[in-house]
Protein backbone atom coordinates (compact mmCIF):
# COMPACT_ATOMS: atom_id res chain seq x y z
CA MET A 1 0.07 -0.01 0.12
CA ASP A 2 1.20 3.38 -0.78
CA ARG A 3 1.23 5.29 2.49
CA ILE A 4 0.75 8.77 0.76
CA ALA A 5 -1.64 9.88 -1.85
CA GLN A 6 -0.24 10.49 -5.08
CA ARG A 7 -1.52 13.92 -5.17
CA MET A 8 0.77 15.02 -2.72
CA PHE A 9 3.85 14.51 -4.63
CA GLY A 10 2.87 17.37 -7.09
CA LEU A 11 2.28 19.97 -4.13
CA GLY A 12 5.10 22.74 -4.00
CA THR A 13 6.12 24.56 -1.05
CA GLU A 14 7.78 27.96 -0.36
CA THR A 15 11.59 27.85 -0.27
CA ALA A 16 11.49 30.94 1.91
CA PHE A 17 10.59 28.81 5.03
CA GLU A 18 13.02 25.93 3.93
CA VAL A 19 15.96 28.92 4.08
CA LEU A 20 14.63 30.21 7.16
CA ALA A 21 14.72 26.72 8.87
CA ARG A 22 18.35 26.10 7.50
CA ALA A 23 19.39 29.89 8.76
CA LYS A 24 17.92 29.22 12.14
CA GLY A 25 19.69 25.91 12.20
CA LEU A 26 22.92 27.90 11.71
CA GLU A 27 22.25 30.28 14.30
CA ALA A 28 21.41 27.66 16.78
CA ARG A 29 25.02 26.55 16.18
CA GLY A 30 26.35 30.06 16.97
CA ARG A 31 26.43 31.61 13.69
CA ASP A 32 25.42 35.20 13.07
CA ILE A 33 22.82 35.20 10.13
CA ILE A 34 21.27 38.45 8.66
CA HIS A 35 17.67 37.30 7.31
CA LEU A 36 16.89 38.72 3.98
CA GLU A 37 14.92 35.67 3.10
CA ILE A 38 11.85 35.94 4.67
CA GLY A 39 8.75 37.94 3.39
CA GLU A 40 7.58 39.37 6.62
CA PRO A 41 7.72 43.09 7.95
CA ASP A 42 10.17 43.37 10.96
CA PHE A 43 7.75 45.98 12.51
CA ASP A 44 5.53 45.00 15.38
CA THR A 45 1.74 45.04 15.08
CA PRO A 46 0.68 48.52 15.86
CA ALA A 47 -0.34 49.23 19.59
CA ASN A 48 -3.86 50.00 18.81
CA VAL A 49 -4.59 47.12 16.73
CA VAL A 50 -3.07 44.78 19.72
CA ASP A 51 -4.94 46.47 22.22
CA ALA A 52 -8.20 46.04 20.17
CA GLY A 53 -7.51 42.16 19.86
CA VAL A 54 -6.87 41.80 23.63
CA LYS A 55 -9.90 43.62 24.57
CA ALA A 56 -11.91 41.29 22.16
CA LEU A 57 -10.59 38.39 23.95
CA ARG A 58 -11.58 39.82 27.17
CA GLU A 59 -15.07 40.47 25.82
CA GLY A 60 -15.43 37.10 24.59
CA TRP A 61 -14.85 37.05 21.13
CA THR A 62 -13.60 33.62 21.37
CA HIS A 63 -16.51 31.44 19.74
CA TYR A 64 -17.21 30.28 16.44
CA GLY A 65 -18.36 32.81 13.88
CA PRO A 66 -19.94 32.77 10.51
CA SER A 67 -17.71 30.84 7.87
CA ALA A 68 -17.59 34.12 5.63
CA GLY A 69 -16.45 36.18 8.54
CA GLN A 70 -18.37 38.33 11.31
CA MET A 71 -20.42 40.84 9.65
CA ILE A 72 -19.05 43.84 11.34
CA ALA A 73 -15.62 42.82 9.92
CA ARG A 74 -16.92 42.22 6.52
CA GLU A 75 -18.63 45.55 6.51
CA ALA A 76 -15.45 47.33 7.58
CA ILE A 77 -13.38 45.60 4.90
CA ALA A 78 -15.94 46.37 2.23
CA GLU A 79 -16.00 49.98 3.21
CA ASN A 80 -12.25 50.30 2.98
CA PHE A 81 -11.77 48.54 -0.16
CA SER A 82 -14.52 50.67 -1.65
CA ALA A 83 -12.72 54.02 -0.49
CA GLU A 84 -9.28 52.62 -1.49
CA ARG A 85 -10.04 51.30 -4.94
CA GLY A 86 -12.86 53.68 -6.00
CA VAL A 87 -15.31 50.82 -6.70
CA GLN A 88 -18.34 50.01 -4.64
CA VAL A 89 -18.60 46.49 -3.10
CA GLY A 90 -20.61 45.28 -0.12
CA PRO A 91 -20.01 42.93 2.73
CA GLU A 92 -21.67 40.35 0.99
CA ASN A 93 -18.44 40.50 -1.56
CA VAL A 94 -16.35 39.63 1.37
CA VAL A 95 -14.95 36.29 2.70
CA ILE A 96 -12.75 36.53 5.45
CA THR A 97 -9.90 33.63 6.04
CA PRO A 98 -7.07 32.78 8.14
CA GLY A 99 -4.68 34.60 6.11
CA ALA A 100 -4.66 35.35 2.43
CA LYS A 101 -3.58 32.10 0.83
CA PRO A 102 -6.85 30.41 1.46
CA ILE A 103 -8.63 32.76 -1.17
CA LEU A 104 -5.92 31.71 -3.49
CA PHE A 105 -6.45 27.85 -2.76
CA TYR A 106 -10.32 28.12 -2.80
CA SER A 107 -10.55 30.27 -5.86
CA VAL A 108 -8.62 27.90 -7.97
CA LEU A 109 -10.64 25.14 -6.18
CA ALA A 110 -14.05 26.65 -6.78
CA LEU A 111 -13.70 28.13 -10.46
CA VAL A 112 -11.04 25.86 -12.29
CA ASN A 113 -11.83 22.53 -13.68
CA PRO A 114 -9.32 19.79 -14.12
CA GLY A 115 -7.58 20.10 -17.82
CA ASP A 116 -8.46 24.04 -17.65
CA GLU A 117 -5.45 26.30 -18.19
CA VAL A 118 -4.40 28.97 -15.79
CA ILE A 119 -1.89 31.73 -16.57
CA TYR A 120 0.49 33.02 -13.87
CA PRO A 121 3.57 35.15 -13.65
CA ASP A 122 7.13 33.56 -13.87
CA PRO A 123 8.89 34.74 -11.55
CA GLY A 124 6.24 34.63 -9.25
CA PHE A 125 4.92 33.50 -5.74
CA PRO A 126 5.39 29.87 -5.94
CA ILE A 127 2.27 29.01 -4.54
CA TYR A 128 0.17 30.04 -7.65
CA GLU A 129 1.78 27.06 -9.64
CA SER A 130 1.60 24.59 -6.88
CA VAL A 131 -2.11 24.99 -6.26
CA ILE A 132 -2.92 25.20 -10.27
CA SER A 133 -1.09 21.64 -10.71
CA PHE A 134 -2.45 20.17 -7.45
CA PHE A 135 -6.04 20.65 -8.60
CA GLY A 136 -5.26 19.00 -12.01
CA ALA A 137 -5.08 22.48 -14.21
CA LYS A 138 -2.47 23.28 -16.55
CA PRO A 139 -0.14 25.85 -15.34
CA VAL A 140 0.88 28.23 -17.93
CA PRO A 141 3.72 30.53 -17.16
CA LEU A 142 3.58 34.12 -18.40
CA PRO A 143 7.37 35.28 -18.41
CA LEU A 144 8.04 38.85 -16.67
CA ARG A 145 10.94 40.40 -18.22
CA GLU A 146 13.68 42.82 -16.49
CA ASP A 147 13.72 45.02 -19.68
CA ARG A 148 10.08 45.78 -18.97
CA GLN A 149 10.85 46.35 -15.27
CA PHE A 150 9.65 42.98 -14.44
CA THR A 151 6.15 43.04 -16.51
CA PHE A 152 5.06 41.77 -19.47
CA ASP A 153 4.07 42.82 -22.86
CA LEU A 154 0.03 42.13 -23.42
CA ALA A 155 1.01 40.31 -26.73
CA ASP A 156 2.68 37.83 -24.62
CA LEU A 157 -0.30 37.33 -22.55
CA GLU A 158 -2.70 37.26 -25.44
CA ALA A 159 -0.36 34.51 -27.31
CA ARG A 160 -1.04 32.32 -24.24
CA VAL A 161 -4.74 32.54 -24.11
CA THR A 162 -6.67 29.70 -25.56
CA ASP A 163 -10.12 28.30 -25.60
CA ARG A 164 -8.96 26.53 -22.39
CA THR A 165 -7.59 29.50 -20.55
CA ARG A 166 -10.06 29.49 -17.25
CA MET A 167 -8.03 32.05 -14.98
CA VAL A 168 -5.26 34.62 -15.06
CA ILE A 169 -3.19 35.64 -12.19
CA VAL A 170 -1.80 39.02 -11.70
CA ASN A 171 0.16 39.98 -8.76
CA SER A 172 0.72 43.95 -8.28
CA PRO A 173 2.80 45.22 -6.20
CA HIS A 174 4.85 42.04 -7.35
CA ASN A 175 6.81 39.29 -5.32
CA PRO A 176 9.48 38.78 -6.01
CA CYS A 177 10.17 41.76 -8.03
CA GLY A 178 8.62 44.62 -6.77
CA SER A 179 7.07 45.58 -10.03
CA MET A 180 3.77 47.28 -10.47
CA LEU A 181 1.08 47.00 -13.31
CA SER A 182 0.23 50.46 -14.74
CA ARG A 183 -3.58 51.53 -14.98
CA GLY A 184 -3.06 51.28 -18.83
CA MET A 185 -1.77 47.56 -18.75
CA LEU A 186 -4.51 46.50 -16.21
CA GLU A 187 -7.28 48.18 -18.52
CA GLN A 188 -5.78 46.18 -21.35
CA ILE A 189 -6.01 42.82 -19.38
CA ALA A 190 -9.55 43.81 -18.32
CA GLU A 191 -10.31 44.06 -22.03
CA LEU A 192 -8.89 40.66 -22.79
CA ALA A 193 -10.50 39.14 -19.82
CA GLU A 194 -13.79 40.26 -21.08
CA ARG A 195 -13.16 39.33 -24.86
CA ARG A 196 -11.92 35.90 -24.18
CA ASP A 197 -14.00 35.17 -20.99
CA PHE A 198 -11.74 34.34 -18.17
CA TRP A 199 -11.24 34.73 -14.47
CA VAL A 200 -8.84 37.16 -13.20
CA LEU A 201 -7.33 36.46 -9.64
CA ALA A 202 -5.80 39.79 -8.72
CA ASP A 203 -3.07 39.11 -5.89
CA GLU A 204 -2.91 42.57 -4.29
CA ILE A 205 -1.59 41.88 -0.89
CA TYR A 206 1.01 44.60 -1.24
CA SER A 207 -1.41 47.17 -2.11
CA ARG A 208 -0.65 49.59 0.56
CA ILE A 209 3.25 49.14 0.23
CA THR A 210 4.00 51.31 -2.69
CA TYR A 211 6.43 54.08 -3.24
CA GLU A 212 6.23 56.68 -6.26
CA GLU A 213 3.19 55.44 -7.81
CA PRO A 214 -0.25 54.43 -6.28
CA HIS A 215 -1.61 51.17 -6.63
CA GLU A 216 -4.17 50.51 -9.30
CA SER A 217 -6.74 47.57 -9.05
CA ILE A 218 -8.12 45.81 -12.05
CA THR A 219 -11.45 45.93 -10.38
CA GLN A 220 -12.08 49.56 -11.24
CA PHE A 221 -12.72 48.73 -15.02
CA PRO A 222 -16.21 48.03 -16.25
CA GLY A 223 -17.44 44.43 -15.73
CA MET A 224 -14.38 43.42 -13.69
CA LEU A 225 -15.97 43.00 -10.23
CA ASP A 226 -17.88 40.17 -11.77
CA ARG A 227 -15.05 38.15 -13.10
CA THR A 228 -12.22 39.20 -10.39
CA ILE A 229 -11.18 37.46 -7.05
CA VAL A 230 -9.01 39.98 -5.13
CA VAL A 231 -6.50 38.38 -2.52
CA ASP A 232 -5.68 40.72 0.27
CA GLY A 233 -5.26 40.74 3.91
CA PHE A 234 -3.78 42.27 6.89
CA SER A 235 -0.07 40.32 7.20
CA LYS A 236 1.98 42.92 5.30
CA THR A 237 0.16 46.17 5.63
CA TYR A 238 -0.12 46.06 9.26
CA ALA A 239 2.85 43.69 10.28
CA MET A 240 0.10 41.01 11.21
CA THR A 241 1.49 37.79 9.75
CA GLY A 242 0.94 35.78 12.96
CA TRP A 243 -2.56 36.76 13.42
CA ARG A 244 -3.52 34.88 10.38
CA LEU A 245 -6.06 37.40 8.73
CA GLY A 246 -6.75 37.50 5.14
CA TYR A 247 -9.86 38.23 2.80
CA GLY A 248 -10.91 37.99 -0.38
CA ILE A 249 -13.22 40.17 -2.51
CA VAL A 250 -15.36 38.01 -4.74
CA PRO A 251 -18.45 38.15 -7.04
CA ARG A 252 -21.89 37.64 -5.04
CA ASP A 253 -22.46 34.57 -6.80
CA VAL A 254 -19.10 33.14 -5.73
CA GLU A 255 -19.10 33.84 -2.22
CA PRO A 256 -21.44 31.06 -1.04
CA HIS A 257 -18.94 28.51 -2.66
CA ILE A 258 -15.80 30.11 -0.95
CA SER A 259 -17.70 30.17 2.04
CA ARG A 260 -18.73 26.58 1.91
CA LEU A 261 -15.03 25.79 1.35
CA MET A 262 -14.15 27.51 4.67
CA THR A 263 -16.84 25.60 6.48
CA ASN A 264 -15.35 22.42 5.26
CA SER A 265 -11.74 23.24 5.99
CA ASN A 266 -11.53 25.75 8.82
CA SER A 267 -14.90 26.46 9.86
CA CYS A 268 -14.41 30.07 10.51
CA THR A 269 -11.74 32.77 10.98
CA ALA A 270 -10.76 33.63 14.91
CA SER A 271 -13.22 36.15 15.78
CA PHE A 272 -10.87 38.29 18.15
CA THR A 273 -8.52 38.82 15.19
CA GLN A 274 -11.23 40.17 13.09
CA VAL A 275 -12.10 42.67 15.56
CA ALA A 276 -8.30 43.58 15.60
CA GLY A 277 -8.62 44.08 11.89
CA ILE A 278 -11.46 46.29 12.28
CA GLU A 279 -9.37 48.61 14.14
CA ALA A 280 -6.51 48.28 12.12
CA LEU A 281 -8.71 49.44 9.07
CA ARG A 282 -10.54 52.14 10.79
CA GLY A 283 -7.79 53.42 13.55
CA PRO A 284 -4.97 55.67 12.84
CA GLN A 285 -2.64 54.76 9.79
CA ASP A 286 0.40 56.53 11.25
CA ASP A 287 2.21 53.34 11.84
CA VAL A 288 1.50 52.10 8.22
CA ASP A 289 2.71 55.28 6.86
CA ALA A 290 5.85 55.25 8.77
CA MET A 291 6.62 51.57 7.91
CA VAL A 292 6.27 52.23 4.32
CA ALA A 293 8.36 55.54 4.56
CA GLU A 294 11.12 53.23 6.37
CA PHE A 295 10.87 50.48 3.61
CA ARG A 296 11.47 53.33 0.92
CA ARG A 297 14.73 54.27 2.66
CA ARG A 298 15.95 50.70 2.84
CA ARG A 299 14.85 50.10 -0.57
CA ASP A 300 17.02 52.87 -1.91
CA ARG A 301 19.98 51.80 0.09
CA MET A 302 19.54 48.23 -1.02
CA VAL A 303 19.38 49.09 -4.70
CA GLU A 304 22.38 51.44 -4.42
CA GLY A 305 24.39 49.18 -2.60
CA LEU A 306 23.84 45.95 -4.83
CA ASN A 307 24.50 48.12 -7.98
CA ALA A 308 27.94 49.32 -6.62
CA ILE A 309 28.84 45.51 -6.38
CA GLU A 310 30.74 44.30 -9.47
CA GLY A 311 28.65 41.70 -11.12
CA ILE A 312 25.29 42.70 -9.94
CA SER A 313 22.64 44.89 -11.35
CA CYS A 314 19.44 45.74 -9.70
CA VAL A 315 16.22 47.30 -11.01
CA LYS A 316 14.64 49.74 -8.24
CA PRO A 317 11.31 48.19 -7.29
CA LYS A 318 8.13 50.18 -7.20
CA GLY A 319 6.33 48.41 -4.33
CA ALA A 320 6.50 45.53 -1.69
CA PHE A 321 9.75 45.10 0.04
CA TYR A 322 11.97 42.84 -2.28
CA VAL A 323 14.74 43.56 -4.72
CA PHE A 324 15.51 41.03 -7.57
CA PRO A 325 19.02 41.64 -8.56
CA ASN A 326 20.63 40.40 -11.75
CA VAL A 327 23.48 38.01 -10.91
CA LYS A 328 24.20 36.37 -14.32
CA GLU A 329 27.66 38.09 -14.64
CA LEU A 330 28.90 36.27 -11.53
CA GLY A 331 28.64 32.67 -13.41
CA LEU A 332 26.90 31.03 -10.76
CA ARG A 333 23.62 29.05 -10.62
CA SER A 334 21.21 31.14 -8.36
CA VAL A 335 20.64 28.31 -5.79
CA GLU A 336 24.51 27.77 -5.68
CA LEU A 337 24.93 31.67 -4.94
CA GLN A 338 22.13 31.56 -2.55
CA ASP A 339 23.81 28.57 -0.61
CA ARG A 340 27.07 30.23 -0.75
CA LEU A 341 25.72 33.43 0.74
CA LEU A 342 24.13 31.70 3.50
CA GLU A 343 26.96 29.26 4.47
CA GLU A 344 30.04 31.52 3.76
CA ALA A 345 28.66 35.08 4.19
CA GLY A 346 25.99 34.45 6.85
CA VAL A 347 23.36 36.42 4.61
CA ALA A 348 20.00 34.48 3.98
CA SER A 349 18.52 35.14 0.49
CA LEU A 350 16.40 33.06 -2.06
CA ALA A 351 17.47 32.05 -5.32
CA GLY A 352 15.42 33.44 -8.23
CA THR A 353 14.41 29.82 -9.07
CA SER A 354 12.29 29.59 -5.98
CA PHE A 355 9.91 31.65 -7.86
CA GLY A 356 10.10 29.73 -11.25
CA PRO A 357 12.46 29.02 -14.24
CA GLU A 358 12.49 32.57 -15.33
CA GLY A 359 14.30 33.42 -11.94
CA GLU A 360 17.71 31.74 -12.83
CA GLY A 361 20.10 34.37 -12.84
CA TYR A 362 18.56 36.44 -9.93
CA LEU A 363 18.35 36.52 -6.17
CA ARG A 364 15.64 37.91 -4.06
CA PHE A 365 16.56 39.88 -0.87
CA SER A 366 13.81 41.26 1.48
CA TYR A 367 14.68 44.53 2.90
CA ALA A 368 12.26 43.91 5.85
CA ASN A 369 15.41 44.33 8.27
CA SER A 370 17.17 47.25 9.78
CA LEU A 371 19.34 49.60 7.72
CA GLU A 372 22.20 48.69 10.05
CA ASN A 373 21.61 44.92 8.99
CA ILE A 374 21.28 45.88 5.26
CA GLU A 375 24.81 47.92 5.26
CA LYS A 376 26.29 44.85 7.05
CA ALA A 377 24.71 42.43 4.60
CA LEU A 378 26.02 44.38 1.72
CA GLY A 379 29.40 44.33 2.86
CA LEU A 380 29.31 40.70 3.35
CA ILE A 381 27.97 40.13 -0.08
CA GLY A 382 30.45 42.21 -1.45
CA ASN A 383 33.25 40.33 0.19
CA LEU A 384 32.05 37.09 -0.60
CA LEU A 385 31.72 37.98 -4.34
CA GLN A 386 35.32 39.33 -4.50
CA LYS A 387 36.25 35.66 -3.82
CA VAL A 388 33.89 34.43 -6.41
């Protein structure tokens, strides 16, 4: 008897957590490691949000709630989304989940049939391809080009759309490249979605972490609220990764199906975290603004420092908190360079291939670390590469 179901061998993972575990192992043996691998803000959850969560616990928000989320939290999310994106949605368009990933998982499960095709960015968040394959659909990678600021040409997308295309995944601001899709590009994707009749899954988890340009959502274009699932949450914007609080903005006829998947898997999202989320959205935004400003300072130093190292070139990201430098001139495979940086220099990073085959020749560094540690890491990287 095979002890493990065959489907499990096609399910991928996130290399970031594997590298983090290796780095922690080195630290346990006395090594100093600078963590630039994990996609987590290094800031604490704002105090007013923590206080709201603690108060909710003491007031008894510790019981089961509706699978789609507490109505007061769904209302707050709908209100915030409508104001920020300039489109009108109601609480019936909101499903709250423990983290944002379940919305990605449930959307593909609910809307994509085995044998359908799903187009996704490469390089891109590795769970996209993993989930598509897990449910028996065909993953169709869409290369992101450095010479296009890690976006794509609409002709490249249209060339990949077939009669079997069921969904296209877009991610802006983007992980791992920090790129953003312009309003014009999103409008063209929206027109193509209407013309060729496919779903759009818009991963907007980094929507509040932008620098020179504002975030644009594909939902703002006519008809797109009826064919788009937006993935968003509190982890990145409010430094709430451990609270596990995410949500999807979905068409009304899709909401019951996503909610039923919640019932069958998680029952519901913890009620007290939802109360804390309301405070995050409606309370002061000073901590968010300060965090984004600090990320911008770190980004500028990281890009400047990497471009000063011989053999590395780095495009300046427009959002999120990652850089994706080109290391092809160094003549090493990305995973080899990742390993050497960790083992020899004490700098934890991720090989570009952690995000797809198009990532070969690149590394991802998260600048969710202090400027002091970033400066130290740049020195260690430069010293190692002199030996290389």
